[in-house]
Structures are given as C-alpha cells and as structure tokens.
Amino acid sequence: MSRLDYQKYRIDKIIELAKFCFSLGLLCFLVIKAPNEATQVVGTAGAFILGGSKFKDKLGL
C-alpha cells in the first residue's frame, strides 16, 4: 500500500467514524428529548439497529 493509498484509507475511516458518532449522538438526543413513550421506544430501537449494524461493519462480519 502506497503512502497516498494509506492517507486515503485513513481519511475514509475518520469520515466513517464521524458519521457514526453523529448518527449515534442524534439518535440519543431524540431518545432523551422524546415527548412520549412511543417515540422513545422507536428512537431506542433505531439506535439499537444502527449501533448493531455499524458494530458488525467494524468487526467485518
């Protein structure tokens, strides 16, 4: 792997991590600020699904 390829790889991973953190933070914000229990359940389920799929991607499964 050349130096340029490695730099592109690092930038891609940093962007991916930033997207993941933003998505997880947004879902947590929605769960905390939810006006009723139904919205909290939907937000929690969304956070669980997103977090689980991203975690599997990180592990390469």
PDB file of N, CA and C in Angstrom:
ATOM      1  N   MET A   1       0.853  -1.174   0.000  1.00  0.00           N
ATOM      2  CA  MET A   1       0.000   0.000   0.000  1.00  0.00           C
ATOM      3  C   MET A   1       0.898   1.236   0.000  1.00  0.00           C
ATOM      4  N   SER A   2       0.660   2.077  -0.935  1.00  0.00           N
ATOM      5  CA  SER A   2       1.470   3.290  -1.036  1.00  0.00           C
ATOM      6  C   SER A   2       1.040   4.312   0.022  1.00  0.00           C
ATOM      7  N   ARG A   3       1.849   5.317   0.173  1.00  0.00           N
ATOM      8  CA  ARG A   3       1.565   6.365   1.166  1.00  0.00           C
ATOM      9  C   ARG A   3       0.248   7.085   0.845  1.00  0.00           C
ATOM     10  N   LEU A   4       0.007   7.348  -0.436  1.00  0.00           N
ATOM     11  CA  LEU A   4      -1.225   8.025  -0.844  1.00  0.00           C
ATOM     12  C   LEU A   4      -2.449   7.160  -0.546  1.00  0.00           C
ATOM     13  N   ASP A   5      -2.351   5.868  -0.846  1.00  0.00           N
ATOM     14  CA  ASP A   5      -3.458   4.958  -0.552  1.00  0.00           C
ATOM     15  C   ASP A   5      -3.736   4.909   0.944  1.00  0.00           C
ATOM     16  N   TYR A   6      -2.681   4.889   1.731  1.00  0.00           N
ATOM     17  CA  TYR A   6      -2.839   4.842   3.183  1.00  0.00           C
ATOM     18  C   TYR A   6      -3.509   6.116   3.699  1.00  0.00           C
ATOM     19  N   GLN A   7      -3.141   7.266   3.150  1.00  0.00           N
ATOM     20  CA  GLN A   7      -3.759   8.526   3.573  1.00  0.00           C
ATOM     21  C   GLN A   7      -5.242   8.548   3.206  1.00  0.00           C
ATOM     22  N   LYS A   8      -5.586   8.054   2.025  1.00  0.00           N
ATOM     23  CA  LYS A   8      -6.997   7.981   1.622  1.00  0.00           C
ATOM     24  C   LYS A   8      -7.767   7.041   2.544  1.00  0.00           C
ATOM     25  N   TYR A   9      -7.141   5.916   2.885  1.00  0.00           N
ATOM     26  CA  TYR A   9      -7.760   4.946   3.783  1.00  0.00           C
ATOM     27  C   TYR A   9      -8.029   5.575   5.151  1.00  0.00           C
ATOM     28  N   ARG A  10      -7.051   6.306   5.677  1.00  0.00           N
ATOM     29  CA  ARG A  10      -7.206   6.964   6.978  1.00  0.00           C
ATOM     30  C   ARG A  10      -8.309   8.011   6.939  1.00  0.00           C
ATOM     31  N   ILE A  11      -8.349   8.796   5.887  1.00  0.00           N
ATOM     32  CA  ILE A  11      -9.386   9.829   5.765  1.00  0.00           C
ATOM     33  C   ILE A  11     -10.768   9.189   5.677  1.00  0.00           C
ATOM     34  N   ASP A  12     -10.892   8.109   4.908  1.00  0.00           N
ATOM     35  CA  ASP A  12     -12.170   7.406   4.801  1.00  0.00           C
ATOM     36  C   ASP A  12     -12.622   6.883   6.162  1.00  0.00           C
ATOM     37  N   LYS A  13     -11.702   6.331   6.928  1.00  0.00           N
ATOM     38  CA  LYS A  13     -12.043   5.796   8.249  1.00  0.00           C
ATOM     39  C   LYS A  13     -12.432   6.912   9.213  1.00  0.00           C
ATOM     40  N   ILE A  14     -11.766   8.049   9.145  1.00  0.00           N
ATOM     41  CA  ILE A  14     -12.104   9.183  10.010  1.00  0.00           C
ATOM     42  C   ILE A  14     -13.494   9.713   9.666  1.00  0.00           C
ATOM     43  N   ILE A  15     -13.792   9.815   8.376  1.00  0.00           N
ATOM     44  CA  ILE A  15     -15.118  10.277   7.949  1.00  0.00           C
ATOM     45  C   ILE A  15     -16.190   9.289   8.389  1.00  0.00           C
ATOM     46  N   GLU A  16     -15.917   8.006   8.242  1.00  0.00           N
ATOM     47  CA  GLU A  16     -16.868   6.980   8.657  1.00  0.00           C
ATOM     48  C   GLU A  16     -17.127   7.055  10.161  1.00  0.00           C
ATOM     49  N   LEU A  17     -16.081   7.247  10.940  1.00  0.00           N
ATOM     50  CA  LEU A  17     -16.227   7.364  12.387  1.00  0.00           C
ATOM     51  C   LEU A  17     -17.025   8.614  12.760  1.00  0.00           C
ATOM     52  N   ALA A  18     -16.780   9.717  12.070  1.00  0.00           N
ATOM     53  CA  ALA A  18     -17.519  10.957  12.337  1.00  0.00           C
ATOM     54  C   ALA A  18     -19.006  10.776  12.026  1.00  0.00           C
ATOM     55  N   LYS A  19     -19.319  10.108  10.916  1.00  0.00           N
ATOM     56  CA  LYS A  19     -20.720   9.855  10.566  1.00  0.00           C
ATOM     57  C   LYS A  19     -21.393   8.985  11.621  1.00  0.00           C
ATOM     58  N   PHE A  20     -20.676   7.956  12.071  1.00  0.00           N
ATOM     59  CA  PHE A  20     -21.218   7.055  13.083  1.00  0.00           C
ATOM     60  C   PHE A  20     -21.493   7.807  14.384  1.00  0.00           C
ATOM     61  N   CYS A  21     -20.537   8.611  14.832  1.00  0.00           N
ATOM     62  CA  CYS A  21     -20.704   9.367  16.080  1.00  0.00           C
ATOM     63  C   CYS A  21     -21.851  10.364  15.964  1.00  0.00           C
ATOM     64  N   PHE A  22     -21.959  11.031  14.828  1.00  0.00           N
ATOM     65  CA  PHE A  22     -23.051  11.985  14.617  1.00  0.00           C
ATOM     66  C   PHE A  22     -24.401  11.274  14.648  1.00  0.00           C
ATOM     67  N   SER A  23     -24.501  10.144  13.953  1.00  0.00           N
ATOM     68  CA  SER A  23     -25.765   9.405  13.912  1.00  0.00           C
ATOM     69  C   SER A  23     -26.157   8.911  15.293  1.00  0.00           C
ATOM     70  N   LEU A  24     -25.202   8.359  16.019  1.00  0.00           N
ATOM     71  CA  LEU A  24     -25.489   7.850  17.351  1.00  0.00           C
ATOM     72  C   LEU A  24     -25.860   8.988  18.295  1.00  0.00           C
ATOM     73  N   GLY A  25     -25.165  10.097  18.210  1.00  0.00           N
ATOM     74  CA  GLY A  25     -25.488  11.250  19.042  1.00  0.00           C
ATOM     75  C   GLY A  25     -26.867  11.804  18.734  1.00  0.00           C
ATOM     76  N   LEU A  26     -27.215  11.859  17.463  1.00  0.00           N
ATOM     77  CA  LEU A  26     -28.536  12.346  17.062  1.00  0.00           C
ATOM     78  C   LEU A  26     -29.633  11.437  17.591  1.00  0.00           C
ATOM     79  N   LEU A  27     -29.437  10.127  17.482  1.00  0.00           N
ATOM     80  CA  LEU A  27     -30.441   9.198  17.990  1.00  0.00           C
ATOM     81  C   LEU A  27     -30.568   9.290  19.505  1.00  0.00           C
ATOM     82  N   CYS A  28     -29.448   9.424  20.205  1.00  0.00           N
ATOM     83  CA  CYS A  28     -29.502   9.587  21.666  1.00  0.00           C
ATOM     84  C   CYS A  28     -30.238  10.873  22.031  1.00  0.00           C
ATOM     85  N   PHE A  29     -29.987  11.941  21.300  1.00  0.00           N
ATOM     86  CA  PHE A  29     -30.681  13.206  21.540  1.00  0.00           C
ATOM     87  C   PHE A  29     -32.182  13.031  21.346  1.00  0.00           C
ATOM     88  N   LEU A  30     -32.579  12.326  20.290  1.00  0.00           N
ATOM     89  CA  LEU A  30     -34.004  12.115  20.037  1.00  0.00           C
ATOM     90  C   LEU A  30     -34.647  11.274  21.131  1.00  0.00           C
ATOM     91  N   VAL A  31     -33.920  10.278  21.639  1.00  0.00           N
ATOM     92  CA  VAL A  31     -34.457   9.438  22.710  1.00  0.00           C
ATOM     93  C   VAL A  31     -34.650  10.264  23.979  1.00  0.00           C
ATOM     94  N   ILE A  32     -33.676  11.105  24.312  1.00  0.00           N
ATOM     95  CA  ILE A  32     -33.760  11.908  25.536  1.00  0.00           C
ATOM     96  C   ILE A  32     -34.857  12.964  25.425  1.00  0.00           C
ATOM     97  N   LYS A  33     -34.980  13.579  24.259  1.00  0.00           N
ATOM     98  CA  LYS A  33     -35.941  14.669  24.072  1.00  0.00           C
ATOM     99  C   LYS A  33     -37.322  14.193  23.625  1.00  0.00           C
ATOM    100  N   ALA A  34     -37.532  12.887  23.579  1.00  0.00           N
ATOM    101  CA  ALA A  34     -38.808  12.358  23.084  1.00  0.00           C
ATOM    102  C   ALA A  34     -39.965  12.784  23.998  1.00  0.00           C
ATOM    103  N   PRO A  35     -41.064  13.263  23.405  1.00  0.00           N
ATOM    104  CA  PRO A  35     -42.181  13.752  24.218  1.00  0.00           C
ATOM    105  C   PRO A  35     -43.032  12.651  24.848  1.00  0.00           C
ATOM    106  N   ASN A  36     -43.016  11.461  24.284  1.00  0.00           N
ATOM    107  CA  ASN A  36     -43.828  10.392  24.875  1.00  0.00           C
ATOM    108  C   ASN A  36     -43.096   9.052  24.776  1.00  0.00           C
ATOM    109  N   GLU A  37     -43.666   8.048  25.403  1.00  0.00           N
ATOM    110  CA  GLU A  37     -43.001   6.745  25.482  1.00  0.00           C
ATOM    111  C   GLU A  37     -42.897   6.058  24.123  1.00  0.00           C
ATOM    112  N   ALA A  38     -43.896   6.211  23.274  1.00  0.00           N
ATOM    113  CA  ALA A  38     -43.864   5.561  21.960  1.00  0.00           C
ATOM    114  C   ALA A  38     -42.686   6.073  21.136  1.00  0.00           C
ATOM    115  N   THR A  39     -42.448   7.363  21.187  1.00  0.00           N
ATOM    116  CA  THR A  39     -41.323   7.934  20.451  1.00  0.00           C
ATOM    117  C   THR A  39     -40.004   7.451  21.030  1.00  0.00           C
ATOM    118  N   GLN A  40     -39.948   7.292  22.353  1.00  0.00           N
ATOM    119  CA  GLN A  40     -38.734   6.786  22.991  1.00  0.00           C
ATOM    120  C   GLN A  40     -38.442   5.355  22.548  1.00  0.00           C
ATOM    121  N   VAL A  41     -39.488   4.540  22.450  1.00  0.00           N
ATOM    122  CA  VAL A  41     -39.307   3.151  22.024  1.00  0.00           C
ATOM    123  C   VAL A  41     -38.780   3.103  20.592  1.00  0.00           C
ATOM    124  N   VAL A  42     -39.365   3.900  19.713  1.00  0.00           N
ATOM    125  CA  VAL A  42     -38.922   3.934  18.317  1.00  0.00           C
ATOM    126  C   VAL A  42     -37.485   4.438  18.229  1.00  0.00           C
ATOM    127  N   GLY A  43     -37.162   5.485  18.974  1.00  0.00           N
ATOM    128  CA  GLY A  43     -35.802   6.026  18.969  1.00  0.00           C
ATOM    129  C   GLY A  43     -34.791   5.034  19.503  1.00  0.00           C
ATOM    130  N   THR A  44     -35.153   4.334  20.575  1.00  0.00           N
ATOM    131  CA  THR A  44     -34.252   3.338  21.149  1.00  0.00           C
ATOM    132  C   THR A  44     -34.039   2.184  20.181  1.00  0.00           C
ATOM    133  N   ALA A  45     -35.105   1.733  19.537  1.00  0.00           N
ATOM    134  CA  ALA A  45     -34.979   0.653  18.553  1.00  0.00           C
ATOM    135  C   ALA A  45     -34.092   1.092  17.392  1.00  0.00           C
ATOM    136  N   GLY A  46     -34.270   2.327  16.936  1.00  0.00           N
ATOM    137  CA  GLY A  46     -33.430   2.846  15.851  1.00  0.00           C
ATOM    138  C   GLY A  46     -31.973   2.906  16.251  1.00  0.00           C
ATOM    139  N   ALA A  47     -31.702   3.358  17.480  1.00  0.00           N
ATOM    140  CA  ALA A  47     -30.322   3.424  17.965  1.00  0.00           C
ATOM    141  C   ALA A  47     -29.718   2.033  18.059  1.00  0.00           C
ATOM    142  N   PHE A  48     -30.506   1.064  18.524  1.00  0.00           N
ATOM    143  CA  PHE A  48     -30.018  -0.309  18.651  1.00  0.00           C
ATOM    144  C   PHE A  48     -29.697  -0.899  17.281  1.00  0.00           C
ATOM    145  N   ILE A  49     -30.586  -0.692  16.318  1.00  0.00           N
ATOM    146  CA  ILE A  49     -30.374  -1.235  14.969  1.00  0.00           C
ATOM    147  C   ILE A  49     -29.166  -0.581  14.312  1.00  0.00           C
ATOM    148  N   LEU A  50     -29.085   0.748  14.384  1.00  0.00           N
ATOM    149  CA  LEU A  50     -27.959   1.463  13.779  1.00  0.00           C
ATOM    150  C   LEU A  50     -26.650   1.074  14.449  1.00  0.00           C
ATOM    151  N   GLY A  51     -26.648   1.064  15.772  1.00  0.00           N
ATOM    152  CA  GLY A  51     -25.430   0.711  16.503  1.00  0.00           C
ATOM    153  C   GLY A  51     -24.993  -0.714  16.213  1.00  0.00           C
ATOM    154  N   GLY A  52     -25.951  -1.642  16.157  1.00  0.00           N
ATOM    155  CA  GLY A  52     -25.616  -3.036  15.882  1.00  0.00           C
ATOM    156  C   GLY A  52     -25.056  -3.233  14.484  1.00  0.00           C
ATOM    157  N   SER A  53     -25.664  -2.581  13.496  1.00  0.00           N
ATOM    158  CA  SER A  53     -25.181  -2.748  12.122  1.00  0.00           C
ATOM    159  C   SER A  53     -23.807  -2.113  11.948  1.00  0.00           C
ATOM    160  N   LYS A  54     -23.580  -0.955  12.564  1.00  0.00           N
ATOM    161  CA  LYS A  54     -22.268  -0.307  12.460  1.00  0.00           C
ATOM    162  C   LYS A  54     -21.213  -1.128  13.188  1.00  0.00           C
ATOM    163  N   PHE A  55     -21.586  -1.725  14.331  1.00  0.00           N
ATOM    164  CA  PHE A  55     -20.635  -2.542  15.081  1.00  0.00           C
ATOM    165  C   PHE A  55     -20.243  -3.774  14.273  1.00  0.00           C
ATOM    166  N   LYS A  56     -21.217  -4.387  13.607  1.00  0.00           N
ATOM    167  CA  LYS A  56     -20.907  -5.539  12.763  1.00  0.00           C
ATOM    168  C   LYS A  56     -19.996  -5.142  11.611  1.00  0.00           C
ATOM    169  N   ASP A  57     -20.225  -3.959  11.035  1.00  0.00           N
ATOM    170  CA  ASP A  57     -19.361  -3.475   9.954  1.00  0.00           C
ATOM    171  C   ASP A  57     -17.933  -3.283  10.448  1.00  0.00           C
ATOM    172  N   LYS A  58     -17.790  -2.759  11.663  1.00  0.00           N
ATOM    173  CA  LYS A  58     -16.452  -2.528  12.218  1.00  0.00           C
ATOM    174  C   LYS A  58     -15.718  -3.851  12.421  1.00  0.00           C
ATOM    175  N   LEU A  59     -16.469  -4.892  12.798  1.00  0.00           N
ATOM    176  CA  LEU A  59     -15.857  -6.202  13.015  1.00  0.00           C
ATOM    177  C   LEU A  59     -15.637  -6.958  11.715  1.00  0.00           C
ATOM    178  N   GLY A  60     -16.272  -6.507  10.658  1.00  0.00           N
ATOM    179  CA  GLY A  60     -16.124  -7.168   9.367  1.00  0.00           C
ATOM    180  C   GLY A  60     -16.982  -8.408   9.237  1.00  0.00           C
ATOM    181  N   LEU A  61     -18.096  -8.463   9.968  1.00  0.00           N
ATOM    182  CA  LEU A  61     -18.982  -9.632   9.915  1.00  0.00           C
ATOM    183  C   LEU A  61     -20.040  -9.475   8.857  1.00  0.00           C
TER     184      LEU A  61
END
